[in-house]
Amino acid sequence: MIDASFLSWPFFEERHRRFAEELREWARREVHPLVDHHDVDASCRRLVRRLGEGGWLRAVVPQAYGGMLEAFDVRTLCLARETLAYHDGLADFAFAMQGLGTGPITLFGSEAMKARYLPAVARGEAIAAFALSEPEAGSDVAAMTTTAKPDGPDHVRIDGVKTWISNGGIADHYVVFARSGEAPGAKGLSAYVVDAQTPGLTIESRIEVIAPHPLATLRFEGCRVPLANRIGAPGEGFKVAMATLDVFRSTVGAAALGLARRALSEALRHASSRKLFGAPLGDLQMTQAALADMATSVDSAALLVYRAAWTKDGGAARVTREAAMAKMYATEQAQGVIDKAVQIFGGLGVTRGVKVEELYREIRALRIYEGATEVQKIVIARDLLRSLGSNANHEGG
């Protein structure tokens, strides 16, 4: 049971409603047979291929390179992630990484680079990855130590380690951020596309987490990359990363929303069918209170997620605050909704093979990746303080 009444909200156009309905029907038929949580690499390869064949990955690249629309439509991306996450976390993961792993190319890549990488991603024939985090530089991007040093007139040599890299080990190419040295701190970073078979790039280790996904630590040792593979200008790496996250951070909230909707759906079904003291569990006022809280959390998170997406699609240059609020609130609320669903299920809720147990493991990482909740609070507060300073200067002038 999927409550699609939110599609009538004024954030959406008819094309969004049509997209969501068609993807929902496709996912209902296709996703479950493609997923084996005991073999996530093969599952993700199958999902990417079928998402490409179904035309859904066209949402993550521009129309000029085989995509669906002229430019990113964040509402479409959010609807896709919410719908796929409702059915399975790996399906959402497969879709999202195709977008995040090529977002920098779409936003800042040369025409030749776009022509080389984007069509294969749209068709589901190439798997993309985004390599930003390091052992000592996750949320603090300016602390990055991976280097990209000149190596002849037309190449750079990349040395360093990247970790927690989604699609690590199965990707065909990685967008890699490294310190190129144009200035100290965040202003001295650049971004490069590194093909997976490039000599000097190795998969140092795979990372096992509570909700299995393809994750790895990458090592770069004398990895020689053409300058033509640089995304944007020298020293623009931080700008490239932040602009990409500005598009995709709201979609993390949408994925959390999909997981929360599924938890609510499972809880409603269980509360209606499970008998306790001779009556349905749903007749108990405590159960009804939990369900009411869950539904309110889902709707309030959806409002923030689609407000951020609508604002970005409306032409806002940046939606830093709105996206941070959406990501923070939706992931935190989804954790609470899923926890309540587990409680309603009782012992079944912590049993392997029961959907709410899977959701409980899936949601936890969303509160961390692409900026942990605590980092989002810093982002929101700094944006508020910056706005206050700008308004004060304007009023004073």
Protein backbone atom coordinates (compact mmCIF):
# COMPACT_ATOMS: atom_id res chain seq x y z
CA MET A 1 0.00 0.00 0.00
CA ILE A 2 1.49 3.30 -1.11
CA ASP A 3 -0.15 6.59 -0.15
CA ALA A 4 0.38 8.71 -3.27
CA SER A 5 -1.92 11.56 -2.20
CA PHE A 6 1.13 13.83 -1.76
CA LEU A 7 1.46 13.93 -5.56
CA SER A 8 -1.49 16.34 -5.59
CA TRP A 9 0.58 18.91 -3.70
CA PRO A 10 1.40 22.09 -5.67
CA PHE A 11 5.11 21.18 -5.75
CA PHE A 12 4.41 18.82 -8.64
CA GLU A 13 3.44 19.07 -12.29
CA GLU A 14 1.52 16.47 -14.27
CA ARG A 15 4.79 15.05 -15.66
CA HIS A 16 5.98 14.34 -12.10
CA ARG A 17 2.78 12.51 -11.24
CA ARG A 18 3.00 10.47 -14.43
CA PHE A 19 6.68 9.63 -13.78
CA ALA A 20 5.99 8.53 -10.20
CA GLU A 21 3.03 6.35 -11.18
CA GLU A 22 4.90 4.64 -14.02
CA LEU A 23 8.02 4.02 -11.91
CA ARG A 24 5.93 2.69 -9.04
CA GLU A 25 4.31 0.13 -11.33
CA TRP A 26 7.68 -0.83 -12.86
CA ALA A 27 9.33 -1.20 -9.45
CA ARG A 28 6.47 -3.35 -8.15
CA ARG A 29 7.08 -5.83 -10.99
CA GLU A 30 10.83 -5.64 -11.47
CA VAL A 31 12.77 -4.85 -8.31
CA HIS A 32 12.26 -7.84 -6.04
CA PRO A 33 13.51 -10.52 -8.51
CA LEU A 34 16.68 -8.51 -9.16
CA VAL A 35 17.84 -8.27 -5.56
CA ASP A 36 19.88 -10.76 -3.57
CA HIS A 37 21.15 -9.15 -0.38
CA HIS A 38 23.74 -11.92 -0.08
CA ASP A 39 25.39 -10.81 -3.36
CA VAL A 40 25.18 -7.04 -3.48
CA ASP A 41 27.70 -6.63 -6.32
CA ALA A 42 25.70 -8.78 -8.71
CA SER A 43 22.44 -7.26 -7.48
CA CYS A 44 23.65 -3.72 -8.17
CA ARG A 45 24.89 -4.68 -11.62
CA ARG A 46 21.51 -6.21 -12.45
CA LEU A 47 19.64 -3.22 -11.04
CA VAL A 48 21.72 -0.69 -12.99
CA ARG A 49 21.26 -2.65 -16.19
CA ARG A 50 17.48 -2.98 -15.76
CA LEU A 51 17.06 0.64 -14.63
CA GLY A 52 18.88 1.61 -17.81
CA GLU A 53 16.82 -0.68 -20.01
CA GLY A 54 13.65 0.67 -18.40
CA GLY A 55 14.69 4.23 -19.24
CA TRP A 56 14.76 5.38 -15.61
CA LEU A 57 18.45 6.29 -15.57
CA ARG A 58 17.71 8.87 -18.24
CA ALA A 59 16.64 11.04 -15.26
CA VAL A 60 20.27 11.40 -14.10
CA VAL A 61 21.78 12.79 -17.33
CA PRO A 62 20.86 15.69 -19.65
CA GLN A 63 18.72 15.19 -22.72
CA ALA A 64 21.63 15.99 -25.04
CA TYR A 65 23.42 12.84 -23.87
CA GLY A 66 20.52 10.40 -23.86
CA GLY A 67 18.72 11.83 -20.85
CA MET A 68 15.11 12.53 -20.06
CA LEU A 69 15.18 16.31 -19.50
CA GLU A 70 17.27 19.27 -20.56
CA ALA A 71 18.81 19.60 -17.08
CA PHE A 72 18.54 18.05 -13.62
CA ASP A 73 15.02 18.07 -12.25
CA VAL A 74 15.44 17.48 -8.52
CA ARG A 75 11.77 16.66 -7.99
CA THR A 76 12.09 13.82 -10.50
CA LEU A 77 15.24 12.56 -8.79
CA CYS A 78 13.52 12.68 -5.40
CA LEU A 79 10.45 10.86 -6.65
CA ALA A 80 12.66 8.17 -8.17
CA ARG A 81 14.63 7.65 -4.96
CA GLU A 82 11.53 7.63 -2.76
CA THR A 83 9.78 5.11 -5.00
CA LEU A 84 12.76 2.78 -5.36
CA ALA A 85 13.65 2.96 -1.64
CA TYR A 86 10.10 1.94 -0.80
CA HIS A 87 10.70 -1.32 -2.64
CA ASP A 88 14.35 -1.97 -1.77
CA GLY A 89 17.31 0.01 -0.45
CA LEU A 90 19.67 -1.47 -3.06
CA ALA A 91 17.41 -0.32 -5.89
CA ASP A 92 17.57 3.21 -4.54
CA PHE A 93 21.35 2.90 -4.10
CA ALA A 94 21.86 1.74 -7.69
CA PHE A 95 19.87 4.66 -9.08
CA ALA A 96 21.34 7.30 -6.76
CA MET A 97 24.97 6.45 -7.43
CA GLN A 98 24.49 6.72 -11.18
CA GLY A 99 23.42 10.30 -10.53
CA LEU A 100 25.95 11.25 -7.87
CA GLY A 101 28.81 9.56 -9.73
CA THR A 102 28.18 11.57 -12.88
CA GLY A 103 26.67 14.74 -11.40
CA PRO A 104 30.05 16.56 -11.47
CA ILE A 105 30.48 15.64 -15.15
CA THR A 106 26.97 16.87 -15.98
CA LEU A 107 27.46 20.16 -14.12
CA PHE A 108 31.09 20.98 -14.93
CA GLY A 109 32.51 18.50 -17.46
CA SER A 110 33.71 19.34 -20.94
CA GLU A 111 31.54 18.42 -23.91
CA ALA A 112 33.96 15.63 -24.83
CA MET A 113 33.80 14.25 -21.29
CA LYS A 114 30.01 14.33 -21.23
CA ALA A 115 29.82 12.55 -24.58
CA ARG A 116 32.24 9.88 -23.38
CA TYR A 117 30.66 9.02 -20.01
CA LEU A 118 27.03 10.10 -19.79
CA PRO A 119 25.28 8.06 -22.52
CA ALA A 120 26.59 4.73 -21.14
CA VAL A 121 25.41 5.71 -17.65
CA ALA A 122 21.93 6.55 -18.97
CA ARG A 123 21.73 3.17 -20.71
CA GLY A 124 22.84 1.28 -17.58
CA GLU A 125 25.97 0.06 -19.36
CA ALA A 126 28.48 1.78 -17.06
CA ILE A 127 28.54 2.11 -13.28
CA ALA A 128 29.59 5.41 -11.72
CA ALA A 129 31.13 6.35 -8.36
CA PHE A 130 31.94 9.51 -6.38
CA ALA A 131 35.23 9.40 -4.42
CA LEU A 132 35.41 12.26 -1.93
CA SER A 133 35.83 10.83 1.60
CA GLU A 134 39.18 9.86 3.13
CA PRO A 135 40.14 8.16 6.40
CA GLU A 136 40.77 11.56 8.02
CA ALA A 137 38.63 13.75 5.78
CA GLY A 138 34.92 12.96 5.62
CA SER A 139 32.73 15.93 6.43
CA ASP A 140 35.81 18.19 6.57
CA VAL A 141 36.63 18.22 2.86
CA ALA A 142 39.35 20.84 3.36
CA ALA A 143 41.38 18.25 5.32
CA MET A 144 41.83 16.12 2.20
CA THR A 145 45.35 14.74 1.69
CA THR A 146 45.09 12.84 -1.61
CA THR A 147 47.25 14.75 -4.08
CA ALA A 148 47.19 15.39 -7.82
CA LYS A 149 50.61 16.60 -8.97
CA PRO A 150 51.73 17.50 -12.50
CA ASP A 151 53.29 14.59 -14.38
CA GLY A 152 54.44 15.90 -17.72
CA PRO A 153 52.57 18.52 -19.75
CA ASP A 154 49.31 16.60 -20.15
CA HIS A 155 48.88 14.43 -17.05
CA VAL A 156 48.63 14.49 -13.26
CA ARG A 157 49.74 11.80 -10.83
CA ILE A 158 47.22 10.97 -8.10
CA ASP A 159 48.42 9.53 -4.79
CA GLY A 160 46.35 8.84 -1.69
CA VAL A 161 43.51 6.85 -0.17
CA LYS A 162 39.75 7.22 -0.48
CA THR A 163 37.34 5.30 1.73
CA TRP A 164 33.62 4.64 2.21
CA ILE A 165 33.33 4.84 -1.57
CA SER A 166 29.95 3.60 -2.78
CA ASN A 167 30.22 1.30 -5.81
CA GLY A 168 33.87 0.84 -4.90
CA GLY A 169 35.05 -2.32 -6.64
CA ILE A 170 32.26 -2.46 -9.23
CA ALA A 171 32.38 1.03 -10.77
CA ASP A 172 33.64 1.63 -14.30
CA HIS A 173 34.77 5.13 -13.42
CA TYR A 174 35.28 7.27 -10.32
CA VAL A 175 35.02 11.03 -9.88
CA VAL A 176 38.03 11.61 -7.63
CA PHE A 177 38.77 14.76 -5.62
CA ALA A 178 42.40 15.54 -4.84
CA ARG A 179 44.61 18.35 -3.59
CA SER A 180 46.05 20.07 -6.65
CA GLY A 181 47.67 22.90 -4.68
CA GLU A 182 46.37 26.11 -6.24
CA ALA A 183 45.66 27.51 -2.75
CA PRO A 184 45.49 26.30 0.86
CA GLY A 185 42.47 24.45 2.19
CA ALA A 186 39.31 23.96 0.16
CA LYS A 187 40.43 26.29 -2.63
CA GLY A 188 43.27 23.99 -3.63
CA LEU A 189 41.27 20.95 -4.72
CA SER A 190 40.43 19.64 -8.18
CA ALA A 191 38.19 16.85 -9.50
CA TYR A 192 39.13 14.19 -12.06
CA VAL A 193 37.44 11.27 -13.78
CA VAL A 194 39.54 8.15 -13.22
CA ASP A 195 38.67 5.01 -15.17
CA ALA A 196 38.59 1.89 -13.01
CA GLN A 197 41.32 0.13 -15.03
CA THR A 198 43.83 2.99 -14.75
CA PRO A 199 47.21 1.64 -13.52
CA GLY A 200 47.92 2.73 -9.95
CA LEU A 201 44.28 2.52 -8.83
CA THR A 202 43.60 -0.51 -6.64
CA ILE A 203 40.76 -1.69 -4.43
CA GLU A 204 42.55 -1.93 -1.10
CA SER A 205 39.64 -3.46 0.80
CA ARG A 206 35.90 -3.97 0.73
CA ILE A 207 33.85 -2.59 3.63
CA GLU A 208 31.08 -4.62 5.24
CA VAL A 209 28.25 -2.62 6.83
CA ILE A 210 24.99 -3.49 8.60
CA ALA A 211 22.91 -2.97 5.44
CA PRO A 212 25.06 -4.54 2.68
CA HIS A 213 26.07 -2.20 -0.14
CA PRO A 214 29.13 -2.17 -2.42
CA LEU A 215 31.62 -0.08 -0.44
CA ALA A 216 35.41 0.01 -0.66
CA THR A 217 38.65 1.72 0.23
CA LEU A 218 40.58 2.82 -2.87
CA ARG A 219 44.34 3.37 -3.04
CA PHE A 220 46.03 5.58 -5.62
CA GLU A 221 49.76 5.09 -6.13
CA GLY A 222 51.27 7.00 -9.03
CA CYS A 223 47.90 6.86 -10.79
CA ARG A 224 48.49 8.80 -14.02
CA VAL A 225 45.40 10.64 -15.30
CA PRO A 226 45.13 12.89 -18.39
CA LEU A 227 44.55 16.57 -17.70
CA ALA A 228 41.64 16.28 -20.11
CA ASN A 229 39.91 14.25 -17.38
CA ARG A 230 39.86 17.19 -14.97
CA ILE A 231 36.31 18.36 -14.23
CA GLY A 232 36.11 22.14 -14.29
CA ALA A 233 39.03 24.50 -13.80
CA PRO A 234 42.09 23.93 -11.56
CA GLY A 235 41.20 24.49 -7.89
CA GLU A 236 37.45 24.17 -8.49
CA GLY A 237 37.11 20.75 -6.85
CA PHE A 238 35.36 22.04 -3.74
CA LYS A 239 32.94 24.03 -5.85
CA VAL A 240 32.27 20.95 -8.00
CA ALA A 241 31.64 18.76 -4.94
CA MET A 242 29.37 21.25 -3.17
CA ALA A 243 27.32 22.04 -6.28
CA THR A 244 26.80 18.32 -6.86
CA LEU A 245 25.76 17.72 -3.25
CA ASP A 246 23.45 20.74 -3.48
CA VAL A 247 21.50 18.80 -6.12
CA PHE A 248 21.65 15.36 -4.55
CA ARG A 249 21.45 16.05 -0.80
CA SER A 250 17.68 16.54 -0.97
CA THR A 251 17.40 13.16 -2.66
CA VAL A 252 18.91 11.45 0.40
CA GLY A 253 15.94 12.80 2.33
CA ALA A 254 13.68 11.37 -0.37
CA ALA A 255 15.26 7.93 0.01
CA ALA A 256 14.67 8.11 3.76
CA LEU A 257 11.08 9.10 3.02
CA GLY A 258 10.64 5.98 0.89
CA LEU A 259 11.95 3.77 3.69
CA ALA A 260 9.66 5.51 6.19
CA ARG A 261 6.60 5.13 3.97
CA ARG A 262 7.31 1.41 3.64
CA ALA A 263 7.66 1.10 7.44
CA LEU A 264 4.33 2.86 7.95
CA SER A 265 2.69 0.64 5.35
CA GLU A 266 4.05 -2.52 6.99
CA ALA A 267 3.00 -1.30 10.45
CA LEU A 268 -0.55 -0.51 9.30
CA ARG A 269 -0.90 -3.92 7.70
CA HIS A 270 0.41 -5.69 10.80
CA ALA A 271 -1.71 -3.61 13.19
CA SER A 272 -4.82 -4.48 11.19
CA SER A 273 -4.19 -8.22 11.05
CA ARG A 274 -2.41 -9.05 14.32
CA LYS A 275 -4.75 -10.01 17.14
CA LEU A 276 -3.96 -9.04 20.72
CA PHE A 277 -6.30 -9.70 23.66
CA GLY A 278 -8.95 -10.84 21.20
CA ALA A 279 -8.94 -7.72 18.99
CA PRO A 280 -6.76 -6.23 16.24
CA LEU A 281 -3.56 -4.62 17.53
CA GLY A 282 -4.70 -1.44 15.78
CA ASP A 283 -7.61 -1.09 18.19
CA LEU A 284 -5.24 -0.24 21.03
CA GLN A 285 -4.92 3.50 21.63
CA MET A 286 -1.15 3.20 22.10
CA THR A 287 -0.83 1.61 18.66
CA GLN A 288 -3.04 4.29 17.16
CA ALA A 289 -0.90 7.01 18.76
CA ALA A 290 2.25 5.47 17.29
CA LEU A 291 0.68 5.25 13.83
CA ALA A 292 -0.48 8.87 14.04
CA ASP A 293 3.03 10.01 14.98
CA MET A 294 4.51 7.97 12.12
CA ALA A 295 2.13 9.42 9.53
CA THR A 296 2.78 12.97 10.74
CA SER A 297 6.53 12.44 10.56
CA VAL A 298 6.26 11.12 7.01
CA ASP A 299 4.18 14.05 5.78
CA SER A 300 6.29 16.72 7.50
CA ALA A 301 9.49 15.20 6.09
CA ALA A 302 7.92 15.05 2.62
CA LEU A 303 7.06 18.75 2.81
CA LEU A 304 10.69 19.66 3.54
CA VAL A 305 12.11 17.31 0.90
CA TYR A 306 9.86 18.51 -1.90
CA ARG A 307 10.10 22.16 -0.80
CA ALA A 308 13.89 21.90 -1.30
CA ALA A 309 13.53 20.13 -4.64
CA TRP A 310 10.89 22.58 -5.90
CA THR A 311 13.04 25.54 -4.85
CA LYS A 312 16.06 24.19 -6.74
CA ASP A 313 13.99 23.40 -9.83
CA GLY A 314 12.54 26.90 -9.66
CA GLY A 315 15.95 28.34 -10.50
CA ALA A 316 17.56 28.96 -7.11
CA ALA A 317 21.34 29.11 -7.52
CA ARG A 318 21.85 27.27 -4.23
CA VAL A 319 19.54 25.50 -1.81
CA THR A 320 22.14 24.84 0.85
CA ARG A 321 19.86 25.50 3.80
CA GLU A 322 16.74 23.91 2.33
CA ALA A 323 18.59 20.75 1.24
CA ALA A 324 20.34 20.43 4.61
CA MET A 325 17.03 20.77 6.45
CA ALA A 326 15.41 18.19 4.18
CA LYS A 327 18.24 15.70 4.53
CA MET A 328 18.57 16.15 8.29
CA TYR A 329 14.88 16.07 9.16
CA ALA A 330 13.80 13.32 6.77
CA THR A 331 16.54 10.91 7.82
CA GLU A 332 16.03 11.53 11.54
CA GLN A 333 12.26 11.21 11.28
CA ALA A 334 12.56 8.07 9.18
CA GLN A 335 14.71 6.49 11.88
CA GLY A 336 11.92 7.19 14.40
CA VAL A 337 9.17 5.93 12.10
CA ILE A 338 11.01 2.68 11.43
CA ASP A 339 11.80 2.21 15.11
CA LYS A 340 8.09 2.50 15.90
CA ALA A 341 7.29 -0.03 13.18
CA VAL A 342 9.75 -2.49 14.70
CA GLN A 343 8.09 -1.97 18.10
CA ILE A 344 4.64 -2.61 16.66
CA PHE A 345 5.93 -5.86 15.16
CA GLY A 346 7.39 -6.95 18.50
CA GLY A 347 9.73 -9.94 18.27
CA LEU A 348 9.05 -10.30 14.55
CA GLY A 349 10.44 -6.79 14.07
CA VAL A 350 13.99 -7.88 14.87
CA THR A 351 13.80 -11.13 12.89
CA ARG A 352 15.89 -11.54 9.76
CA GLY A 353 13.74 -11.71 6.66
CA VAL A 354 11.04 -9.42 8.03
CA LYS A 355 10.89 -6.16 6.07
CA VAL A 356 10.93 -3.79 9.04
CA GLU A 357 14.17 -5.39 10.30
CA GLU A 358 15.74 -4.73 6.90
CA LEU A 359 14.48 -1.13 6.98
CA TYR A 360 15.95 -0.69 10.47
CA ARG A 361 19.39 -1.55 9.11
CA GLU A 362 18.96 0.45 5.91
CA ILE A 363 18.01 3.76 7.51
CA ARG A 364 20.96 4.09 9.86
CA ALA A 365 23.58 5.01 7.27
CA LEU A 366 21.40 7.74 5.74
CA ARG A 367 21.85 9.82 8.89
CA ILE A 368 25.61 9.80 8.21
CA TYR A 369 26.45 9.81 4.50
CA GLU A 370 26.49 12.99 2.38
CA GLY A 371 26.91 14.93 5.62
CA ALA A 372 25.93 13.59 9.03
CA THR A 373 23.01 15.13 10.91
CA GLU A 374 25.39 17.13 13.09
CA VAL A 375 27.09 18.58 9.99
CA GLN A 376 23.71 19.53 8.51
CA LYS A 377 22.96 21.50 11.68
CA ILE A 378 26.21 23.41 11.26
CA VAL A 379 25.38 24.07 7.59
CA ILE A 380 21.91 25.36 8.48
CA ALA A 381 23.13 27.57 11.32
CA ARG A 382 25.97 29.07 9.28
CA ASP A 383 23.59 29.84 6.43
CA LEU A 384 21.18 31.54 8.87
CA LEU A 385 23.99 33.61 10.39
CA ARG A 386 25.32 34.53 6.95
CA SER A 387 21.83 35.63 5.90
CA LEU A 388 21.51 37.71 9.05
CA GLY A 389 24.81 39.45 8.28
CA SER A 390 23.78 40.12 4.68
CA ASN A 391 20.41 41.52 5.74
CA ALA A 392 22.02 43.71 8.40
CA ASN A 393 24.48 45.15 5.86
CA HIS A 394 21.69 45.76 3.40
CA GLU A 395 19.50 47.49 5.95
CA GLY A 396 22.45 49.50 7.24
CA GLY A 397 23.27 50.66 3.73
